[in-house]
Amino acid sequence: WLITLVTWKLASLWFRQQTAVLLALASVLLVLIEPYYSYG
């Protein structure tokens, strides 16, 4: 949740609100990707 929140704030610097939220939702792709995030 903290990762998505900070990403949302970062994206808000350069994108409008709706786009920033979508980018925050998509930020998890660079968190939960295997094998770098595997089990927990």
PDB file of all heavy atoms in Angstrom:
ATOM      1  N   TRP A   1       0.834  -1.206   0.000  1.00  0.00           N
ATOM      2  CA  TRP A   1       0.000   0.000   0.000  1.00  0.00           C
ATOM      3  C   TRP A   1       0.866   1.253   0.000  1.00  0.00           C
ATOM      4  O   TRP A   1       0.609   2.205  -0.764  1.00  0.00           O
ATOM      5  CB  TRP A   1      -0.921  -0.023   1.221  1.00  0.00           C
ATOM      6  CG  TRP A   1      -1.855   1.151   1.327  1.00  0.00           C
ATOM      7  CD1 TRP A   1      -2.660   1.650   0.343  1.00  0.00           C
ATOM      8  CD2 TRP A   1      -2.092   1.945   2.485  1.00  0.00           C
ATOM      9  NE1 TRP A   1      -3.390   2.713   0.830  1.00  0.00           N
ATOM     10  CE2 TRP A   1      -3.067   2.918   2.132  1.00  0.00           C
ATOM     11  CE3 TRP A   1      -1.597   1.923   3.783  1.00  0.00           C
ATOM     12  CZ2 TRP A   1      -3.533   3.860   3.045  1.00  0.00           C
ATOM     13  CZ3 TRP A   1      -2.063   2.862   4.689  1.00  0.00           C
ATOM     14  CH2 TRP A   1      -3.023   3.817   4.324  1.00  0.00           C
ATOM     15  N   LEU A   2       1.912   1.271   0.811  1.00  0.00           N
ATOM     16  CA  LEU A   2       2.813   2.426   0.848  1.00  0.00           C
ATOM     17  C   LEU A   2       3.500   2.632  -0.499  1.00  0.00           C
ATOM     18  O   LEU A   2       3.690   3.765  -0.948  1.00  0.00           O
ATOM     19  CB  LEU A   2       3.849   2.249   1.959  1.00  0.00           C
ATOM     20  CG  LEU A   2       3.326   2.308   3.397  1.00  0.00           C
ATOM     21  CD1 LEU A   2       4.439   1.983   4.382  1.00  0.00           C
ATOM     22  CD2 LEU A   2       2.730   3.678   3.696  1.00  0.00           C
ATOM     23  N   ILE A   3       3.862   1.528  -1.149  1.00  0.00           N
ATOM     24  CA  ILE A   3       4.493   1.635  -2.471  1.00  0.00           C
ATOM     25  C   ILE A   3       3.539   2.297  -3.462  1.00  0.00           C
ATOM     26  O   ILE A   3       3.927   3.195  -4.216  1.00  0.00           O
ATOM     27  CB  ILE A   3       4.928   0.248  -2.965  1.00  0.00           C
ATOM     28  CG1 ILE A   3       6.076  -0.292  -2.098  1.00  0.00           C
ATOM     29  CG2 ILE A   3       5.367   0.299  -4.431  1.00  0.00           C
ATOM     30  CD1 ILE A   3       6.430  -1.740  -2.374  1.00  0.00           C
ATOM     31  N   THR A   4       2.287   1.847  -3.469  1.00  0.00           N
ATOM     32  CA  THR A   4       1.323   2.437  -4.410  1.00  0.00           C
ATOM     33  C   THR A   4       1.018   3.888  -4.063  1.00  0.00           C
ATOM     34  O   THR A   4       0.829   4.718  -4.959  1.00  0.00           O
ATOM     35  CB  THR A   4       0.016   1.623  -4.432  1.00  0.00           C
ATOM     36  OG1 THR A   4      -0.562   1.578  -3.112  1.00  0.00           O
ATOM     37  CG2 THR A   4       0.275   0.194  -4.908  1.00  0.00           C
ATOM     38  N   LEU A   5       0.983   4.215  -2.769  1.00  0.00           N
ATOM     39  CA  LEU A   5       0.722   5.599  -2.368  1.00  0.00           C
ATOM     40  C   LEU A   5       1.838   6.527  -2.844  1.00  0.00           C
ATOM     41  O   LEU A   5       1.574   7.612  -3.395  1.00  0.00           O
ATOM     42  CB  LEU A   5       0.593   5.696  -0.844  1.00  0.00           C
ATOM     43  CG  LEU A   5      -0.738   5.285  -0.219  1.00  0.00           C
ATOM     44  CD1 LEU A   5      -0.650   5.367   1.297  1.00  0.00           C
ATOM     45  CD2 LEU A   5      -1.876   6.145  -0.731  1.00  0.00           C
ATOM     46  N   VAL A   6       3.089   6.127  -2.616  1.00  0.00           N
ATOM     47  CA  VAL A   6       4.210   6.979  -3.026  1.00  0.00           C
ATOM     48  C   VAL A   6       4.262   7.084  -4.551  1.00  0.00           C
ATOM     49  O   VAL A   6       4.551   8.143  -5.103  1.00  0.00           O
ATOM     50  CB  VAL A   6       5.542   6.445  -2.457  1.00  0.00           C
ATOM     51  CG1 VAL A   6       6.692   7.354  -2.868  1.00  0.00           C
ATOM     52  CG2 VAL A   6       5.483   6.369  -0.937  1.00  0.00           C
ATOM     53  N   THR A   7       3.962   5.984  -5.240  1.00  0.00           N
ATOM     54  CA  THR A   7       3.927   6.029  -6.704  1.00  0.00           C
ATOM     55  C   THR A   7       2.852   6.988  -7.183  1.00  0.00           C
ATOM     56  O   THR A   7       3.055   7.741  -8.146  1.00  0.00           O
ATOM     57  CB  THR A   7       3.663   4.626  -7.274  1.00  0.00           C
ATOM     58  OG1 THR A   7       4.660   3.718  -6.792  1.00  0.00           O
ATOM     59  CG2 THR A   7       3.703   4.649  -8.790  1.00  0.00           C
ATOM     60  N   TRP A   8       1.712   6.966  -6.537  1.00  0.00           N
ATOM     61  CA  TRP A   8       0.629   7.887  -6.888  1.00  0.00           C
ATOM     62  C   TRP A   8       1.084   9.342  -6.739  1.00  0.00           C
ATOM     63  O   TRP A   8       0.835  10.186  -7.616  1.00  0.00           O
ATOM     64  CB  TRP A   8      -0.582   7.597  -6.007  1.00  0.00           C
ATOM     65  CG  TRP A   8      -1.673   8.611  -6.105  1.00  0.00           C
ATOM     66  CD1 TRP A   8      -2.267   9.088  -7.234  1.00  0.00           C
ATOM     67  CD2 TRP A   8      -2.295   9.290  -5.009  1.00  0.00           C
ATOM     68  NE1 TRP A   8      -3.232  10.020  -6.922  1.00  0.00           N
ATOM     69  CE2 TRP A   8      -3.273  10.165  -5.562  1.00  0.00           C
ATOM     70  CE3 TRP A   8      -2.138   9.229  -3.629  1.00  0.00           C
ATOM     71  CZ2 TRP A   8      -4.072  10.975  -4.756  1.00  0.00           C
ATOM     72  CZ3 TRP A   8      -2.942  10.037  -2.831  1.00  0.00           C
ATOM     73  CH2 TRP A   8      -3.894  10.892  -3.403  1.00  0.00           C
ATOM     74  N   LYS A   9       1.771   9.638  -5.643  1.00  0.00           N
ATOM     75  CA  LYS A   9       2.252  11.003  -5.435  1.00  0.00           C
ATOM     76  C   LYS A   9       3.303  11.374  -6.479  1.00  0.00           C
ATOM     77  O   LYS A   9       3.331  12.511  -6.977  1.00  0.00           O
ATOM     78  CB  LYS A   9       2.827  11.146  -4.030  1.00  0.00           C
ATOM     79  CG  LYS A   9       1.779  11.103  -2.934  1.00  0.00           C
ATOM     80  CD  LYS A   9       2.373  11.460  -1.592  1.00  0.00           C
ATOM     81  CE  LYS A   9       1.307  11.548  -0.510  1.00  0.00           C
ATOM     82  NZ  LYS A   9       1.866  11.996   0.791  1.00  0.00           N
ATOM     83  N   LEU A  10       4.176  10.422  -6.802  1.00  0.00           N
ATOM     84  CA  LEU A  10       5.180  10.686  -7.837  1.00  0.00           C
ATOM     85  C   LEU A  10       4.514  10.957  -9.184  1.00  0.00           C
ATOM     86  O   LEU A  10       4.837  11.933  -9.878  1.00  0.00           O
ATOM     87  CB  LEU A  10       6.126   9.485  -7.956  1.00  0.00           C
ATOM     88  CG  LEU A  10       7.479   9.543  -7.262  1.00  0.00           C
ATOM     89  CD1 LEU A  10       8.182   8.198  -7.362  1.00  0.00           C
ATOM     90  CD2 LEU A  10       8.350  10.642  -7.853  1.00  0.00           C
ATOM     91  N   ALA A  11       3.586  10.091  -9.567  1.00  0.00           N
ATOM     92  CA  ALA A  11       2.913  10.252 -10.854  1.00  0.00           C
ATOM     93  C   ALA A  11       2.100  11.535 -10.901  1.00  0.00           C
ATOM     94  O   ALA A  11       1.941  12.141 -11.975  1.00  0.00           O
ATOM     95  CB  ALA A  11       2.013   9.040 -11.123  1.00  0.00           C
ATOM     96  N   SER A  12       1.604  11.979  -9.739  1.00  0.00           N
ATOM     97  CA  SER A  12       0.797  13.212  -9.704  1.00  0.00           C
ATOM     98  C   SER A  12       1.618  14.446 -10.049  1.00  0.00           C
ATOM     99  O   SER A  12       1.051  15.496 -10.372  1.00  0.00           O
ATOM    100  CB  SER A  12       0.175  13.387  -8.317  1.00  0.00           C
ATOM    101  OG  SER A  12      -0.730  12.341  -8.026  1.00  0.00           O
ATOM    102  N   LEU A  13       2.931  14.342  -9.986  1.00  0.00           N
ATOM    103  CA  LEU A  13       3.775  15.478 -10.341  1.00  0.00           C
ATOM    104  C   LEU A  13       3.725  15.772 -11.838  1.00  0.00           C
ATOM    105  O   LEU A  13       3.942  16.911 -12.258  1.00  0.00           O
ATOM    106  CB  LEU A  13       5.220  15.210  -9.918  1.00  0.00           C
ATOM    107  CG  LEU A  13       5.488  14.962  -8.427  1.00  0.00           C
ATOM    108  CD1 LEU A  13       6.945  14.662  -8.202  1.00  0.00           C
ATOM    109  CD2 LEU A  13       5.050  16.156  -7.596  1.00  0.00           C
ATOM    110  N   TRP A  14       3.444  14.744 -12.640  1.00  0.00           N
ATOM    111  CA  TRP A  14       3.554  14.900 -14.092  1.00  0.00           C
ATOM    112  C   TRP A  14       2.294  14.475 -14.861  1.00  0.00           C
ATOM    113  O   TRP A  14       2.211  14.690 -16.053  1.00  0.00           O
ATOM    114  CB  TRP A  14       4.748  14.084 -14.603  1.00  0.00           C
ATOM    115  CG  TRP A  14       6.011  14.440 -13.887  1.00  0.00           C
ATOM    116  CD1 TRP A  14       6.594  15.677 -13.810  1.00  0.00           C
ATOM    117  CD2 TRP A  14       6.850  13.562 -13.122  1.00  0.00           C
ATOM    118  NE1 TRP A  14       7.740  15.626 -13.054  1.00  0.00           N
ATOM    119  CE2 TRP A  14       7.933  14.340 -12.616  1.00  0.00           C
ATOM    120  CE3 TRP A  14       6.813  12.199 -12.818  1.00  0.00           C
ATOM    121  CZ2 TRP A  14       8.939  13.803 -11.832  1.00  0.00           C
ATOM    122  CZ3 TRP A  14       7.823  11.665 -12.036  1.00  0.00           C
ATOM    123  CH2 TRP A  14       8.858  12.460 -11.547  1.00  0.00           C
ATOM    124  N   PHE A  15       1.339  13.850 -14.156  1.00  0.00           N
ATOM    125  CA  PHE A  15       0.129  13.381 -14.826  1.00  0.00           C
ATOM    126  C   PHE A  15      -1.092  13.879 -14.061  1.00  0.00           C
ATOM    127  O   PHE A  15      -1.018  14.185 -12.871  1.00  0.00           O
ATOM    128  CB  PHE A  15       0.097  11.848 -14.886  1.00  0.00           C
ATOM    129  CG  PHE A  15       1.216  11.232 -15.672  1.00  0.00           C
ATOM    130  CD1 PHE A  15       2.400  10.866 -15.046  1.00  0.00           C
ATOM    131  CD2 PHE A  15       1.099  11.031 -17.038  1.00  0.00           C
ATOM    132  CE1 PHE A  15       3.440  10.299 -15.761  1.00  0.00           C
ATOM    133  CE2 PHE A  15       2.129  10.456 -17.763  1.00  0.00           C
ATOM    134  CZ  PHE A  15       3.310  10.095 -17.126  1.00  0.00           C
ATOM    135  N   ARG A  16      -2.221  13.917 -14.741  1.00  0.00           N
ATOM    136  CA  ARG A  16      -3.460  14.299 -14.064  1.00  0.00           C
ATOM    137  C   ARG A  16      -3.897  13.174 -13.124  1.00  0.00           C
ATOM    138  O   ARG A  16      -3.384  12.053 -13.183  1.00  0.00           O
ATOM    139  CB  ARG A  16      -4.557  14.629 -15.076  1.00  0.00           C
ATOM    140  CG  ARG A  16      -4.976  13.488 -15.972  1.00  0.00           C
ATOM    141  CD  ARG A  16      -5.932  13.969 -17.064  1.00  0.00           C
ATOM    142  NE  ARG A  16      -6.400  12.838 -17.875  1.00  0.00           N
ATOM    143  CZ  ARG A  16      -7.441  12.096 -17.560  1.00  0.00           C
ATOM    144  NH1 ARG A  16      -8.128  12.346 -16.462  1.00  0.00           N
ATOM    145  NH2 ARG A  16      -7.810  11.096 -18.356  1.00  0.00           N
ATOM    146  N   GLN A  17      -4.848  13.480 -12.259  1.00  0.00           N
ATOM    147  CA  GLN A  17      -5.205  12.603 -11.147  1.00  0.00           C
ATOM    148  C   GLN A  17      -5.574  11.186 -11.579  1.00  0.00           C
ATOM    149  O   GLN A  17      -5.083  10.204 -11.030  1.00  0.00           O
ATOM    150  CB  GLN A  17      -6.373  13.228 -10.370  1.00  0.00           C
ATOM    151  CG  GLN A  17      -6.743  12.505  -9.097  1.00  0.00           C
ATOM    152  CD  GLN A  17      -5.812  12.857  -7.956  1.00  0.00           C
ATOM    153  OE1 GLN A  17      -4.651  12.484  -7.955  1.00  0.00           O
ATOM    154  NE2 GLN A  17      -6.327  13.596  -6.984  1.00  0.00           N
ATOM    155  N   GLN A  18      -6.462  11.060 -12.564  1.00  0.00           N
ATOM    156  CA  GLN A  18      -6.935   9.743 -12.965  1.00  0.00           C
ATOM    157  C   GLN A  18      -5.779   8.883 -13.484  1.00  0.00           C
ATOM    158  O   GLN A  18      -5.658   7.706 -13.136  1.00  0.00           O
ATOM    159  CB  GLN A  18      -8.010   9.865 -14.045  1.00  0.00           C
ATOM    160  CG  GLN A  18      -8.567   8.523 -14.533  1.00  0.00           C
ATOM    161  CD  GLN A  18      -9.513   8.683 -15.707  1.00  0.00           C
ATOM    162  OE1 GLN A  18      -9.735   9.786 -16.176  1.00  0.00           O
ATOM    163  NE2 GLN A  18     -10.077   7.591 -16.176  1.00  0.00           N
ATOM    164  N   THR A  19      -4.936   9.485 -14.302  1.00  0.00           N
ATOM    165  CA  THR A  19      -3.797   8.746 -14.836  1.00  0.00           C
ATOM    166  C   THR A  19      -2.833   8.358 -13.731  1.00  0.00           C
ATOM    167  O   THR A  19      -2.282   7.251 -13.730  1.00  0.00           O
ATOM    168  CB  THR A  19      -3.069   9.590 -15.900  1.00  0.00           C
ATOM    169  OG1 THR A  19      -3.994   9.992 -16.906  1.00  0.00           O
ATOM    170  CG2 THR A  19      -1.945   8.797 -16.534  1.00  0.00           C
ATOM    171  N   ALA A  20      -2.623   9.252 -12.782  1.00  0.00           N
ATOM    172  CA  ALA A  20      -1.714   8.963 -11.674  1.00  0.00           C
ATOM    173  C   ALA A  20      -2.194   7.768 -10.859  1.00  0.00           C
ATOM    174  O   ALA A  20      -1.396   6.924 -10.430  1.00  0.00           O
ATOM    175  CB  ALA A  20      -1.566  10.191 -10.781  1.00  0.00           C
ATOM    176  N   VAL A  21      -3.498   7.689 -10.631  1.00  0.00           N
ATOM    177  CA  VAL A  21      -4.050   6.552  -9.886  1.00  0.00           C
ATOM    178  C   VAL A  21      -3.851   5.253 -10.659  1.00  0.00           C
ATOM    179  O   VAL A  21      -3.474   4.222 -10.093  1.00  0.00           O
ATOM    180  CB  VAL A  21      -5.544   6.787  -9.586  1.00  0.00           C
ATOM    181  CG1 VAL A  21      -6.172   5.542  -8.974  1.00  0.00           C
ATOM    182  CG2 VAL A  21      -5.716   7.971  -8.651  1.00  0.00           C
ATOM    183  N   LEU A  22      -4.094   5.283 -11.957  1.00  0.00           N
ATOM    184  CA  LEU A  22      -3.891   4.083 -12.776  1.00  0.00           C
ATOM    185  C   LEU A  22      -2.423   3.639 -12.755  1.00  0.00           C
ATOM    186  O   LEU A  22      -2.128   2.446 -12.690  1.00  0.00           O
ATOM    187  CB  LEU A  22      -4.343   4.349 -14.215  1.00  0.00           C
ATOM    188  CG  LEU A  22      -5.846   4.559 -14.430  1.00  0.00           C
ATOM    189  CD1 LEU A  22      -6.134   4.902 -15.886  1.00  0.00           C
ATOM    190  CD2 LEU A  22      -6.641   3.324 -14.009  1.00  0.00           C
ATOM    191  N   LEU A  23      -1.521   4.600 -12.797  1.00  0.00           N
ATOM    192  CA  LEU A  23      -0.100   4.267 -12.735  1.00  0.00           C
ATOM    193  C   LEU A  23       0.261   3.696 -11.371  1.00  0.00           C
ATOM    194  O   LEU A  23       1.113   2.806 -11.272  1.00  0.00           O
ATOM    195  CB  LEU A  23       0.742   5.502 -13.050  1.00  0.00           C
ATOM    196  CG  LEU A  23       0.675   5.998 -14.500  1.00  0.00           C
ATOM    197  CD1 LEU A  23       1.422   7.305 -14.648  1.00  0.00           C
ATOM    198  CD2 LEU A  23       1.230   4.947 -15.448  1.00  0.00           C
ATOM    199  N   ALA A  24      -0.361   4.206 -10.317  1.00  0.00           N
ATOM    200  CA  ALA A  24      -0.123   3.648  -8.981  1.00  0.00           C
ATOM    201  C   ALA A  24      -0.604   2.203  -8.911  1.00  0.00           C
ATOM    202  O   ALA A  24       0.061   1.338  -8.326  1.00  0.00           O
ATOM    203  CB  ALA A  24      -0.826   4.498  -7.926  1.00  0.00           C
ATOM    204  N   LEU A  25      -1.768   1.930  -9.512  1.00  0.00           N
ATOM    205  CA  LEU A  25      -2.259   0.552  -9.559  1.00  0.00           C
ATOM    206  C   LEU A  25      -1.301  -0.342 -10.340  1.00  0.00           C
ATOM    207  O   LEU A  25      -1.060  -1.491  -9.979  1.00  0.00           O
ATOM    208  CB  LEU A  25      -3.648   0.514 -10.202  1.00  0.00           C
ATOM    209  CG  LEU A  25      -4.785   1.208  -9.444  1.00  0.00           C
ATOM    210  CD1 LEU A  25      -6.044   1.217 -10.298  1.00  0.00           C
ATOM    211  CD2 LEU A  25      -5.055   0.527  -8.106  1.00  0.00           C
ATOM    212  N   ALA A  26      -0.747   0.203 -11.415  1.00  0.00           N
ATOM    213  CA  ALA A  26       0.149  -0.586 -12.266  1.00  0.00           C
ATOM    214  C   ALA A  26       1.545  -0.742 -11.680  1.00  0.00           C
ATOM    215  O   ALA A  26       2.310  -1.597 -12.123  1.00  0.00           O
ATOM    216  CB  ALA A  26       0.242   0.054 -13.657  1.00  0.00           C
ATOM    217  N   SER A  27       1.893   0.076 -10.686  1.00  0.00           N
ATOM    218  CA  SER A  27       3.240   0.019 -10.118  1.00  0.00           C
ATOM    219  C   SER A  27       3.561  -1.348  -9.525  1.00  0.00           C
ATOM    220  O   SER A  27       4.734  -1.726  -9.410  1.00  0.00           O
ATOM    221  CB  SER A  27       3.402   1.095  -9.047  1.00  0.00           C
ATOM    222  OG  SER A  27       2.560   0.829  -7.928  1.00  0.00           O
ATOM    223  N   VAL A  28       2.529  -2.101  -9.170  1.00  0.00           N
ATOM    224  CA  VAL A  28       2.758  -3.418  -8.566  1.00  0.00           C
ATOM    225  C   VAL A  28       3.448  -4.374  -9.532  1.00  0.00           C
ATOM    226  O   VAL A  28       4.024  -5.385  -9.120  1.00  0.00           O
ATOM    227  CB  VAL A  28       1.429  -4.030  -8.077  1.00  0.00           C
ATOM    228  CG1 VAL A  28       0.823  -3.158  -6.981  1.00  0.00           C
ATOM    229  CG2 VAL A  28       0.445  -4.193  -9.236  1.00  0.00           C
ATOM    230  N   LEU A  29       3.400  -4.068 -10.845  1.00  0.00           N
ATOM    231  CA  LEU A  29       4.093  -4.912 -11.815  1.00  0.00           C
ATOM    232  C   LEU A  29       5.589  -4.932 -11.549  1.00  0.00           C
ATOM    233  O   LEU A  29       6.265  -5.933 -11.835  1.00  0.00           O
ATOM    234  CB  LEU A  29       3.827  -4.415 -13.243  1.00  0.00           C
ATOM    235  CG  LEU A  29       2.389  -4.545 -13.760  1.00  0.00           C
ATOM    236  CD1 LEU A  29       2.248  -3.826 -15.091  1.00  0.00           C
ATOM    237  CD2 LEU A  29       2.006  -6.013 -13.896  1.00  0.00           C
ATOM    238  N   LEU A  30       6.112  -3.834 -11.006  1.00  0.00           N
ATOM    239  CA  LEU A  30       7.533  -3.747 -10.682  1.00  0.00           C
ATOM    240  C   LEU A  30       7.787  -4.039  -9.206  1.00  0.00           C
ATOM    241  O   LEU A  30       8.811  -3.639  -8.653  1.00  0.00           O
ATOM    242  CB  LEU A  30       8.073  -2.369 -11.054  1.00  0.00           C
ATOM    243  CG  LEU A  30       8.281  -2.157 -12.558  1.00  0.00           C
ATOM    244  CD1 LEU A  30       8.711  -0.723 -12.848  1.00  0.00           C
ATOM    245  CD2 LEU A  30       9.294  -3.141 -13.126  1.00  0.00           C
ATOM    246  N   VAL A  31       6.850  -4.735  -8.589  1.00  0.00           N
ATOM    247  CA  VAL A  31       7.027  -5.192  -7.206  1.00  0.00           C
ATOM    248  C   VAL A  31       6.841  -6.701  -7.120  1.00  0.00           C
ATOM    249  O   VAL A  31       7.691  -7.421  -6.568  1.00  0.00           O
ATOM    250  CB  VAL A  31       6.032  -4.499  -6.251  1.00  0.00           C
ATOM    251  CG1 VAL A  31       6.264  -4.970  -4.812  1.00  0.00           C
ATOM    252  CG2 VAL A  31       6.139  -2.979  -6.337  1.00  0.00           C
ATOM    253  N   LEU A  32       5.756  -7.205  -7.702  1.00  0.00           N
ATOM    254  CA  LEU A  32       5.373  -8.606  -7.549  1.00  0.00           C
ATOM    255  C   LEU A  32       5.924  -9.518  -8.639  1.00  0.00           C
ATOM    256  O   LEU A  32       5.538 -10.680  -8.721  1.00  0.00           O
ATOM    257  CB  LEU A  32       3.843  -8.713  -7.528  1.00  0.00           C
ATOM    258  CG  LEU A  32       3.136  -7.915  -6.428  1.00  0.00           C
ATOM    259  CD1 LEU A  32       1.630  -8.057  -6.550  1.00  0.00           C
ATOM    260  CD2 LEU A  32       3.606  -8.352  -5.049  1.00  0.00           C
ATOM    261  N   ILE A  33       6.822  -9.033  -9.459  1.00  0.00           N
ATOM    262  CA  ILE A  33       7.342  -9.826 -10.563  1.00  0.00           C
ATOM    263  C   ILE A  33       8.294 -10.912 -10.050  1.00  0.00           C
ATOM    264  O   ILE A  33       9.133 -10.671  -9.182  1.00  0.00           O
ATOM    265  CB  ILE A  33       8.064  -8.910 -11.587  1.00  0.00           C
ATOM    266  CG1 ILE A  33       8.663  -9.733 -12.715  1.00  0.00           C
ATOM    267  CG2 ILE A  33       9.117  -8.042 -10.909  1.00  0.00           C
ATOM    268  CD1 ILE A  33       9.259  -8.885 -13.834  1.00  0.00           C
ATOM    269  N   GLU A  34       8.110 -12.122 -10.569  1.00  0.00           N
ATOM    270  CA  GLU A  34       9.027 -13.213 -10.246  1.00  0.00           C
ATOM    271  C   GLU A  34      10.268 -13.106 -11.124  1.00  0.00           C
ATOM    272  O   GLU A  34      10.203 -12.582 -12.242  1.00  0.00           O
ATOM    273  CB  GLU A  34       8.354 -14.563 -10.508  1.00  0.00           C
ATOM    274  CG  GLU A  34       7.286 -14.945  -9.518  1.00  0.00           C
ATOM    275  CD  GLU A  34       6.785 -16.361  -9.757  1.00  0.00           C
ATOM    276  OE1 GLU A  34       6.165 -16.594 -10.819  1.00  0.00           O
ATOM    277  OE2 GLU A  34       7.033 -17.210  -8.913  1.00  0.00           O
ATOM    278  N   PRO A  35      11.423 -13.625 -10.645  1.00  0.00           N
ATOM    279  CA  PRO A  35      11.663 -14.274  -9.352  1.00  0.00           C
ATOM    280  C   PRO A  35      12.101 -13.296  -8.264  1.00  0.00           C
ATOM    281  O   PRO A  35      12.541 -13.715  -7.193  1.00  0.00           O
ATOM    282  CB  PRO A  35      12.806 -15.242  -9.683  1.00  0.00           C
ATOM    283  CG  PRO A  35      13.613 -14.488 -10.690  1.00  0.00           C
ATOM    284  CD  PRO A  35      12.611 -13.700 -11.518  1.00  0.00           C
ATOM    285  N   TYR A  36      11.977 -11.998  -8.523  1.00  0.00           N
ATOM    286  CA  TYR A  36      12.501 -10.998  -7.589  1.00  0.00           C
ATOM    287  C   TYR A  36      11.603 -10.865  -6.369  1.00  0.00           C
ATOM    288  O   TYR A  36      12.081 -10.600  -5.271  1.00  0.00           O
ATOM    289  CB  TYR A  36      12.680  -9.667  -8.331  1.00  0.00           C
ATOM    290  CG  TYR A  36      13.347  -9.891  -9.662  1.00  0.00           C
ATOM    291  CD1 TYR A  36      12.629  -9.851 -10.860  1.00  0.00           C
ATOM    292  CD2 TYR A  36      14.690 -10.252  -9.721  1.00  0.00           C
ATOM    293  CE1 TYR A  36      13.241 -10.114 -12.074  1.00  0.00           C
ATOM    294  CE2 TYR A  36      15.300 -10.520 -10.938  1.00  0.00           C
ATOM    295  CZ  TYR A  36      14.567 -10.458 -12.106  1.00  0.00           C
ATOM    296  OH  TYR A  36      15.171 -10.749 -13.305  1.00  0.00           O
ATOM    297  N   TYR A  37      10.310 -11.014  -6.582  1.00  0.00           N
ATOM    298  CA  TYR A  37       9.372 -11.218  -5.477  1.00  0.00           C
ATOM    299  C   TYR A  37       8.825 -12.624  -5.668  1.00  0.00           C
ATOM    300  O   TYR A  37       8.118 -12.885  -6.644  1.00  0.00           O
ATOM    301  CB  TYR A  37       8.239 -10.195  -5.539  1.00  0.00           C
ATOM    302  CG  TYR A  37       7.164 -10.407  -4.492  1.00  0.00           C
ATOM    303  CD1 TYR A  37       7.187  -9.704  -3.296  1.00  0.00           C
ATOM    304  CD2 TYR A  37       6.130 -11.311  -4.708  1.00  0.00           C
ATOM    305  CE1 TYR A  37       6.186  -9.903  -2.345  1.00  0.00           C
ATOM    306  CE2 TYR A  37       5.138 -11.514  -3.763  1.00  0.00           C
ATOM    307  CZ  TYR A  37       5.180 -10.811  -2.590  1.00  0.00           C
ATOM    308  OH  TYR A  37       4.191 -11.015  -1.641  1.00  0.00           O
ATOM    309  N   SER A  38       9.166 -13.524  -4.762  1.00  0.00           N
ATOM    310  CA  SER A  38       8.793 -14.916  -4.982  1.00  0.00           C
ATOM    311  C   SER A  38       7.725 -15.410  -4.016  1.00  0.00           C
ATOM    312  O   SER A  38       6.701 -15.932  -4.421  1.00  0.00           O
ATOM    313  CB  SER A  38      10.034 -15.818  -4.874  1.00  0.00           C
ATOM    314  OG  SER A  38      10.926 -15.546  -5.930  1.00  0.00           O
ATOM    315  N   TYR A  39       7.968 -15.251  -2.724  1.00  0.00           N
ATOM    316  CA  TYR A  39       7.087 -15.878  -1.742  1.00  0.00           C
ATOM    317  C   TYR A  39       6.430 -14.875  -0.792  1.00  0.00           C
ATOM    318  O   TYR A  39       5.338 -15.108  -0.311  1.00  0.00           O
ATOM    319  CB  TYR A  39       7.872 -16.899  -0.913  1.00  0.00           C
ATOM    320  CG  TYR A  39       8.411 -18.041  -1.734  1.00  0.00           C
ATOM    321  CD1 TYR A  39       9.676 -17.993  -2.304  1.00  0.00           C
ATOM    322  CD2 TYR A  39       7.638 -19.174  -1.965  1.00  0.00           C
ATOM    323  CE1 TYR A  39      10.171 -19.045  -3.066  1.00  0.00           C
ATOM    324  CE2 TYR A  39       8.111 -20.228  -2.727  1.00  0.00           C
ATOM    325  CZ  TYR A  39       9.379 -20.156  -3.281  1.00  0.00           C
ATOM    326  OH  TYR A  39       9.849 -21.195  -4.044  1.00  0.00           O
ATOM    327  N   GLY A  40       7.096 -13.797  -0.500  1.00  0.00           N
ATOM    328  CA  GLY A  40       6.556 -12.842   0.457  1.00  0.00           C
ATOM    329  C   GLY A  40       7.553 -11.728   0.705  1.00  0.00           C
ATOM    330  O   GLY A  40       8.493 -11.529  -0.071  1.00  0.00           O
TER     331      GLY A  40
END
